[in-house]
Amino acid sequence: MNNSSSSHPSSSHPSSSHPSSPQGPAERALVLAGGGAAGNAWQLGLIAGLAEAGLDVTGADLVVGTSSGSTVTAQITSGTRPGDLYAAILAETPPSRPAGGATAPRPARTLSGPDYLAWSNAIIASARDADDMRRTLAAAALELDRLDRDSHPDGESSGGSPAESSGRPGRTRWHDIVAARLPSHDWPAQRVLIPALDARTGQPVVFDRHSAVGLVDAVAASTSALTPYAIGEQRYLNGAYRRGSNADLAAGYRRVLVLDPFSGRSRTPREWGVDLATQVDELRAAGSTVEVVHPDAGAGDVFDAHALDPSTRLPAARGGHQQGLRLAASLEEFWR
């Protein structure tokens, strides 16, 4: 643990500027960064551990959820007890493995895990700045999707997201996969922000309950790391392309708790200013008190290119739960 807004989206196309100021209390903000299958499980486990030890952070005045963190956001603001969400992970059937203990091979034509990182790293390395990176990533993703659709006109192999899955299901199937993970498909009453990237312009967008976009679609868009997700005529990509953890969206809140599965690591140059450390500095300079929590050794060595692998979920969740139990006392005064 370290001490460390787009106007509301319109009915057809969310704005890229910061969301408007909160209408209610601006006391406590919870920021849930992306981290694949492992990050999702670690955050749910940690939040459950905190709650079990007497510190419930799910009632934050603002929850910002990015990529797999957007799934966590929708889950913990649904009214479902954190302990039940954690128990559901423990009850998951472990992914099947072939003889020898290796993880089952991913389907052909899947660009995920290390391959996805190599693809995106090459684009990041060639970009001039963050805006150029976003535009280039968006254009490349659209082109990859076009080629895939041309070679699979039935649509069965197109669409989907390597951010949380190992395959590339079609748009309708990805919507259904995301929907099945969410206890409620309605936006919560509390303030929730879910960032994404407009794949046609490369401009950041931020969804909230005032958007004419359903919660399932917002989460599906924010978790779509490779293949653009369709909402009407628009196409969207992963929210981490906006600004990593998107902790800056908590500007104006007095206390900001950030759960960051990748321990502040950034694949972009520091001078671009999209890394978590820069955002934390900005929040503190504006008067916020910030606490950042990263996974400890109890979650295992799963927060790398293989964090997308479903087999990482159980150790990550258990490690997060134990970490939450240990951290609750030290976070109590800060949060309350």
Protein backbone atom coordinates (compact mmCIF):
# COMPACT_ATOMS: atom_id res chain seq x y z
CA MET A 1 0.00 0.00 0.00
CA ASN A 2 1.29 3.41 -0.90
CA ASN A 3 0.02 6.78 0.25
CA SER A 4 0.24 8.18 -2.25
CA SER A 5 -14.03 14.76 -15.65
CA SER A 6 -15.68 14.35 -19.53
CA SER A 7 -19.21 15.82 -19.75
CA HIS A 8 -21.95 13.25 -19.71
CA PRO A 9 -22.07 11.09 -22.83
CA SER A 10 -24.74 12.18 -25.25
CA SER A 11 -27.47 9.88 -26.49
CA SER A 12 -25.52 8.84 -29.55
CA HIS A 13 -21.90 9.49 -28.76
CA PRO A 14 -20.23 10.10 -25.39
CA SER A 15 -18.05 13.15 -24.98
CA SER A 16 -14.29 12.91 -24.51
CA SER A 17 -14.09 15.66 -21.88
CA HIS A 18 -14.33 15.03 -18.13
CA PRO A 19 -17.75 14.12 -16.68
CA SER A 20 -19.55 16.93 -14.91
CA SER A 21 -18.98 17.50 -11.21
CA PRO A 22 -20.72 15.17 -8.76
CA GLN A 23 -24.20 16.19 -7.63
CA GLY A 24 -23.85 14.45 -4.25
CA PRO A 25 -21.03 14.12 -1.70
CA ALA A 26 -17.49 14.25 -3.04
CA GLU A 27 -15.90 12.47 -0.10
CA ARG A 28 -14.76 8.97 -1.06
CA ALA A 29 -13.79 7.59 -4.47
CA LEU A 30 -12.82 4.00 -5.28
CA VAL A 31 -10.76 3.43 -8.43
CA LEU A 32 -10.59 -0.11 -9.85
CA ALA A 33 -7.94 -0.50 -12.54
CA GLY A 34 -7.73 -3.21 -15.18
CA GLY A 35 -5.86 -6.45 -14.73
CA GLY A 36 -7.46 -9.24 -16.74
CA ALA A 37 -8.91 -12.33 -15.11
CA ALA A 38 -6.34 -12.18 -12.30
CA GLY A 39 -6.98 -8.50 -11.58
CA ASN A 40 -10.74 -8.97 -11.48
CA ALA A 41 -10.42 -11.83 -8.98
CA TRP A 42 -7.80 -10.07 -6.83
CA GLN A 43 -9.94 -6.94 -6.51
CA LEU A 44 -13.07 -8.93 -5.62
CA GLY A 45 -11.12 -10.96 -3.07
CA LEU A 46 -9.53 -7.88 -1.51
CA ILE A 47 -12.85 -6.01 -1.29
CA ALA A 48 -14.40 -9.10 0.32
CA GLY A 49 -11.55 -9.34 2.80
CA LEU A 50 -11.92 -5.69 3.75
CA ALA A 51 -15.66 -6.14 4.24
CA GLU A 52 -15.17 -9.28 6.32
CA ALA A 53 -12.82 -7.31 8.57
CA GLY A 54 -15.39 -4.54 8.97
CA LEU A 55 -14.46 -2.08 6.21
CA ASP A 56 -16.97 -1.95 3.35
CA VAL A 57 -15.67 0.24 0.52
CA THR A 58 -18.51 -0.59 -1.89
CA GLY A 59 -20.51 2.43 -0.73
CA ALA A 60 -18.00 4.92 -2.15
CA ASP A 61 -19.51 8.15 -3.44
CA LEU A 62 -17.76 7.46 -6.76
CA VAL A 63 -16.52 4.22 -8.29
CA VAL A 64 -14.33 4.38 -11.40
CA GLY A 65 -13.92 1.04 -13.19
CA THR A 66 -11.61 0.38 -16.12
CA SER A 67 -11.36 -2.76 -18.25
CA SER A 68 -11.70 -5.77 -15.91
CA GLY A 69 -12.13 -3.21 -13.13
CA SER A 70 -15.36 -2.11 -14.81
CA THR A 71 -16.70 -5.62 -14.28
CA VAL A 72 -15.77 -5.41 -10.60
CA THR A 73 -17.44 -2.00 -10.42
CA ALA A 74 -20.72 -3.32 -11.78
CA GLN A 75 -20.53 -6.34 -9.48
CA ILE A 76 -19.84 -4.54 -6.20
CA THR A 77 -22.40 -1.76 -6.83
CA SER A 78 -25.18 -4.25 -7.63
CA GLY A 79 -26.17 -4.77 -4.00
CA THR A 80 -24.52 -8.19 -3.91
CA ARG A 81 -22.45 -8.78 -0.78
CA PRO A 82 -18.68 -8.80 -1.42
CA GLY A 83 -18.42 -12.11 0.39
CA ASP A 84 -20.87 -13.68 -2.05
CA LEU A 85 -18.89 -12.40 -5.03
CA TYR A 86 -15.73 -13.88 -3.53
CA ALA A 87 -17.47 -17.18 -2.79
CA ALA A 88 -18.56 -17.38 -6.43
CA ILE A 89 -14.91 -17.29 -7.52
CA LEU A 90 -14.01 -20.05 -5.09
CA ALA A 91 -16.83 -22.12 -6.56
CA GLU A 92 -15.72 -21.68 -10.18
CA THR A 93 -14.73 -24.82 -12.05
CA PRO A 94 -10.97 -24.68 -12.76
CA PRO A 95 -10.16 -24.49 -16.50
CA SER A 96 -9.35 -27.84 -18.07
CA ARG A 97 -5.72 -28.62 -18.77
CA PRO A 98 -4.23 -31.13 -21.21
CA ALA A 99 -1.90 -33.91 -20.11
CA GLY A 100 1.30 -32.58 -18.58
CA GLY A 101 -0.40 -29.72 -16.74
CA ALA A 102 -0.01 -27.07 -19.45
CA THR A 103 -2.85 -24.65 -20.02
CA ALA A 104 -5.11 -25.72 -22.87
CA PRO A 105 -4.12 -23.96 -26.10
CA ARG A 106 -6.14 -20.92 -27.10
CA PRO A 107 -8.25 -21.11 -30.27
CA ALA A 108 -6.52 -20.42 -33.57
CA ARG A 109 -6.52 -16.80 -34.76
CA THR A 110 -6.71 -15.51 -31.20
CA LEU A 111 -4.52 -12.49 -30.49
CA SER A 112 -4.29 -12.40 -26.71
CA GLY A 113 -1.88 -12.68 -23.82
CA PRO A 114 1.75 -12.27 -24.92
CA ASP A 115 0.75 -11.96 -28.61
CA TYR A 116 -1.65 -9.14 -27.84
CA LEU A 117 1.00 -7.37 -25.77
CA ALA A 118 3.53 -7.69 -28.59
CA TRP A 119 1.00 -6.25 -31.04
CA SER A 120 0.11 -3.30 -28.84
CA ASN A 121 3.68 -2.71 -27.63
CA ALA A 122 4.82 -2.26 -31.23
CA ILE A 123 2.15 0.39 -31.75
CA ILE A 124 3.02 2.16 -28.49
CA ALA A 125 6.72 2.18 -29.40
CA SER A 126 5.99 3.85 -32.74
CA ALA A 127 3.64 6.52 -31.33
CA ARG A 128 4.67 10.16 -30.84
CA ASP A 129 2.46 10.73 -27.80
CA ALA A 130 -0.63 9.40 -26.05
CA ASP A 131 -3.07 10.86 -28.58
CA ASP A 132 -1.11 9.35 -31.44
CA MET A 133 -1.05 6.00 -29.62
CA ARG A 134 -4.83 6.04 -29.19
CA ARG A 135 -5.50 6.91 -32.82
CA THR A 136 -3.07 4.29 -34.11
CA LEU A 137 -4.32 1.55 -31.79
CA ALA A 138 -7.90 2.31 -32.76
CA ALA A 139 -7.15 2.26 -36.49
CA ALA A 140 -5.15 -0.97 -36.18
CA ALA A 141 -7.93 -2.65 -34.19
CA LEU A 142 -10.54 -1.62 -36.75
CA GLU A 143 -8.38 -2.97 -39.57
CA LEU A 144 -7.75 -6.24 -37.75
CA ASP A 145 -11.48 -6.58 -37.18
CA ARG A 146 -12.20 -5.87 -40.85
CA LEU A 147 -9.75 -8.55 -41.99
CA ASP A 148 -11.22 -11.02 -39.53
CA ARG A 149 -14.75 -10.32 -40.68
CA ASP A 150 -13.75 -10.67 -44.33
CA SER A 151 -12.29 -14.11 -43.62
CA HIS A 152 -15.20 -15.14 -41.37
CA PRO A 153 -18.33 -13.72 -43.02
CA ASP A 154 -20.58 -15.76 -40.70
CA GLY A 155 -19.32 -13.59 -37.84
CA GLU A 156 -18.56 -16.49 -35.54
CA SER A 157 -14.87 -15.65 -35.12
CA SER A 158 -15.10 -11.88 -34.96
CA GLY A 159 -15.60 -9.56 -32.04
CA GLY A 160 -14.74 -10.14 -28.42
CA SER A 161 -12.01 -9.17 -26.02
CA PRO A 162 -8.71 -10.61 -24.88
CA ALA A 163 -8.97 -8.39 -21.82
CA GLU A 164 -10.95 -11.01 -19.94
CA SER A 165 -11.43 -13.96 -22.28
CA SER A 166 -9.14 -16.25 -24.20
CA GLY A 167 -11.20 -16.31 -27.38
CA ARG A 168 -12.76 -13.80 -29.76
CA PRO A 169 -16.53 -14.28 -29.48
CA GLY A 170 -18.86 -12.25 -31.68
CA ARG A 171 -20.38 -8.99 -30.45
CA THR A 172 -23.66 -10.56 -29.31
CA ARG A 173 -21.85 -13.38 -27.57
CA TRP A 174 -19.45 -10.97 -25.82
CA HIS A 175 -22.46 -8.95 -24.63
CA ASP A 176 -23.99 -12.16 -23.25
CA ILE A 177 -20.73 -13.21 -21.57
CA VAL A 178 -20.46 -9.85 -19.83
CA ALA A 179 -24.16 -9.86 -18.93
CA ALA A 180 -23.80 -13.26 -17.26
CA ARG A 181 -21.07 -11.88 -14.99
CA LEU A 182 -23.12 -8.97 -13.68
CA PRO A 183 -25.63 -9.52 -10.86
CA SER A 184 -27.63 -6.50 -12.10
CA HIS A 185 -27.86 -4.95 -15.56
CA ASP A 186 -29.05 -1.59 -14.26
CA TRP A 187 -26.81 1.36 -13.49
CA PRO A 188 -26.54 1.81 -9.70
CA ALA A 189 -27.82 4.92 -7.97
CA GLN A 190 -24.34 5.86 -6.77
CA ARG A 191 -21.97 7.60 -9.17
CA VAL A 192 -20.14 5.16 -11.44
CA LEU A 193 -17.81 6.07 -14.32
CA ILE A 194 -16.68 3.54 -16.94
CA PRO A 195 -14.10 4.80 -19.48
CA ALA A 196 -13.64 3.49 -23.01
CA LEU A 197 -12.05 4.63 -26.27
CA ASP A 198 -13.89 5.61 -29.45
CA ALA A 199 -12.40 3.24 -32.02
CA ARG A 200 -13.30 5.49 -34.94
CA THR A 201 -11.70 8.68 -33.64
CA GLY A 202 -9.25 7.48 -30.99
CA GLN A 203 -10.87 9.87 -28.51
CA PRO A 204 -11.54 8.85 -24.89
CA VAL A 205 -15.14 8.53 -23.71
CA VAL A 206 -16.66 8.02 -20.27
CA PHE A 207 -19.97 6.24 -19.69
CA ASP A 208 -22.21 6.82 -16.67
CA ARG A 209 -25.87 6.30 -15.79
CA HIS A 210 -26.79 9.48 -17.66
CA SER A 211 -25.50 7.98 -20.90
CA ALA A 212 -28.02 6.43 -23.25
CA VAL A 213 -25.90 3.27 -22.97
CA GLY A 214 -26.77 0.27 -20.82
CA LEU A 215 -24.47 -0.91 -18.06
CA VAL A 216 -23.73 -4.21 -19.83
CA ASP A 217 -22.72 -2.39 -23.02
CA ALA A 218 -20.54 0.06 -21.08
CA VAL A 219 -18.67 -2.79 -19.35
CA ALA A 220 -18.39 -4.76 -22.60
CA ALA A 221 -16.88 -1.72 -24.32
CA SER A 222 -14.40 -1.02 -21.51
CA THR A 223 -13.22 -4.64 -21.49
CA SER A 224 -12.79 -4.92 -25.25
CA ALA A 225 -9.03 -4.66 -25.59
CA LEU A 226 -8.55 -5.78 -29.17
CA THR A 227 -11.74 -6.01 -31.22
CA PRO A 228 -13.94 -2.91 -31.30
CA TYR A 229 -17.25 -3.42 -29.50
CA ALA A 230 -20.33 -2.10 -31.26
CA ILE A 231 -22.94 0.07 -29.57
CA GLY A 232 -25.29 1.17 -32.32
CA GLU A 233 -23.16 2.67 -35.07
CA GLN A 234 -20.26 3.42 -32.73
CA ARG A 235 -17.28 1.19 -31.97
CA TYR A 236 -15.39 1.19 -28.67
CA LEU A 237 -12.16 -0.20 -27.21
CA ASN A 238 -10.70 -0.83 -23.78
CA GLY A 239 -10.94 1.97 -21.23
CA ALA A 240 -7.30 1.59 -20.20
CA TYR A 241 -6.32 3.20 -23.52
CA ARG A 242 -7.75 6.43 -22.12
CA ARG A 243 -5.33 6.85 -19.23
CA GLY A 244 -4.39 3.51 -17.69
CA SER A 245 -6.18 3.23 -14.36
CA ASN A 246 -8.12 6.49 -15.01
CA ALA A 247 -7.63 7.59 -11.42
CA ASP A 248 -7.76 11.20 -12.63
CA LEU A 249 -11.54 10.81 -12.95
CA ALA A 250 -11.66 10.93 -9.14
CA ALA A 251 -10.48 14.57 -9.16
CA GLY A 252 -12.35 16.63 -6.57
CA TYR A 253 -12.88 13.76 -4.12
CA ARG A 254 -11.28 14.14 -0.70
CA ARG A 255 -10.19 10.51 -0.30
CA VAL A 256 -9.28 8.26 -3.20
CA LEU A 257 -8.56 4.55 -2.85
CA VAL A 258 -6.94 2.95 -5.91
CA LEU A 259 -6.75 -0.83 -6.39
CA ASP A 260 -4.12 -1.44 -9.05
CA PRO A 261 -3.37 -5.07 -10.03
CA PHE A 262 -0.31 -4.19 -12.12
CA SER A 263 1.44 -2.30 -9.31
CA GLY A 264 1.70 1.00 -11.13
CA ARG A 265 3.54 -0.42 -14.13
CA SER A 266 2.96 1.40 -17.39
CA ARG A 267 3.83 0.46 -20.95
CA THR A 268 3.92 4.09 -22.03
CA PRO A 269 6.72 6.66 -21.52
CA ARG A 270 6.44 8.62 -18.27
CA GLU A 271 6.48 11.90 -20.16
CA TRP A 272 3.13 11.03 -21.72
CA GLY A 273 1.55 11.45 -18.31
CA VAL A 274 -0.86 8.51 -18.53
CA ASP A 275 0.79 6.41 -15.80
CA LEU A 276 -0.72 5.95 -12.35
CA ALA A 277 2.07 7.81 -10.50
CA THR A 278 1.40 10.98 -12.50
CA GLN A 279 -2.32 10.74 -11.82
CA VAL A 280 -1.73 10.25 -8.10
CA ASP A 281 0.55 13.31 -8.07
CA GLU A 282 -2.17 15.33 -9.79
CA LEU A 283 -4.83 14.21 -7.32
CA ARG A 284 -2.66 15.06 -4.33
CA ALA A 285 -1.71 18.42 -5.79
CA ALA A 286 -5.42 19.21 -6.07
CA GLY A 287 -6.01 18.34 -2.40
CA SER A 288 -7.03 14.67 -2.44
CA THR A 289 -5.63 12.14 0.00
CA VAL A 290 -4.74 9.02 -1.98
CA GLU A 291 -4.05 5.43 -0.98
CA VAL A 292 -2.89 2.91 -3.60
CA VAL A 293 -3.05 -0.82 -3.00
CA HIS A 294 -1.10 -3.30 -5.12
CA PRO A 295 -1.13 -7.10 -4.89
CA ASP A 296 1.30 -8.59 -2.40
CA ALA A 297 3.12 -11.90 -2.70
CA GLY A 298 0.11 -13.81 -1.39
CA ALA A 299 -1.70 -13.50 -4.73
CA GLY A 300 1.11 -15.28 -6.55
CA ASP A 301 3.06 -14.28 -9.63
CA VAL A 302 0.05 -13.92 -11.93
CA PHE A 303 0.03 -10.22 -12.81
CA ASP A 304 1.87 -10.40 -16.12
CA ALA A 305 1.05 -11.31 -19.71
CA HIS A 306 -0.78 -14.39 -18.41
CA ALA A 307 -3.17 -12.41 -16.21
CA LEU A 308 -5.83 -13.10 -18.84
CA ASP A 309 -5.67 -16.83 -18.11
CA PRO A 310 -8.73 -17.97 -16.10
CA SER A 311 -6.48 -20.32 -14.10
CA THR A 312 -5.04 -17.25 -12.35
CA ARG A 313 -8.36 -16.35 -10.75
CA LEU A 314 -8.35 -18.66 -7.74
CA PRO A 315 -4.88 -17.79 -6.39
CA ALA A 316 -5.43 -14.10 -7.11
CA ALA A 317 -8.77 -14.06 -5.30
CA ARG A 318 -7.45 -15.93 -2.28
CA GLY A 319 -4.40 -13.69 -2.07
CA GLY A 320 -6.57 -10.59 -2.36
CA HIS A 321 -8.89 -11.82 0.36
CA GLN A 322 -6.05 -12.39 2.81
CA GLN A 323 -4.55 -9.03 1.90
CA GLY A 324 -7.89 -7.32 2.53
CA LEU A 325 -8.16 -8.90 5.96
CA ARG A 326 -4.69 -7.57 6.84
CA LEU A 327 -5.20 -4.07 5.39
CA ALA A 328 -8.61 -3.27 6.86
CA ALA A 329 -7.31 -1.84 10.12
CA SER A 330 -4.73 0.41 8.46
CA LEU A 331 -7.27 1.71 5.91
CA GLU A 332 -10.03 2.26 8.47
CA GLU A 333 -9.14 5.81 9.52
CA PHE A 334 -8.38 6.91 5.95
CA TRP A 335 -11.65 5.62 4.52
CA ARG A 336 -14.05 6.57 7.32
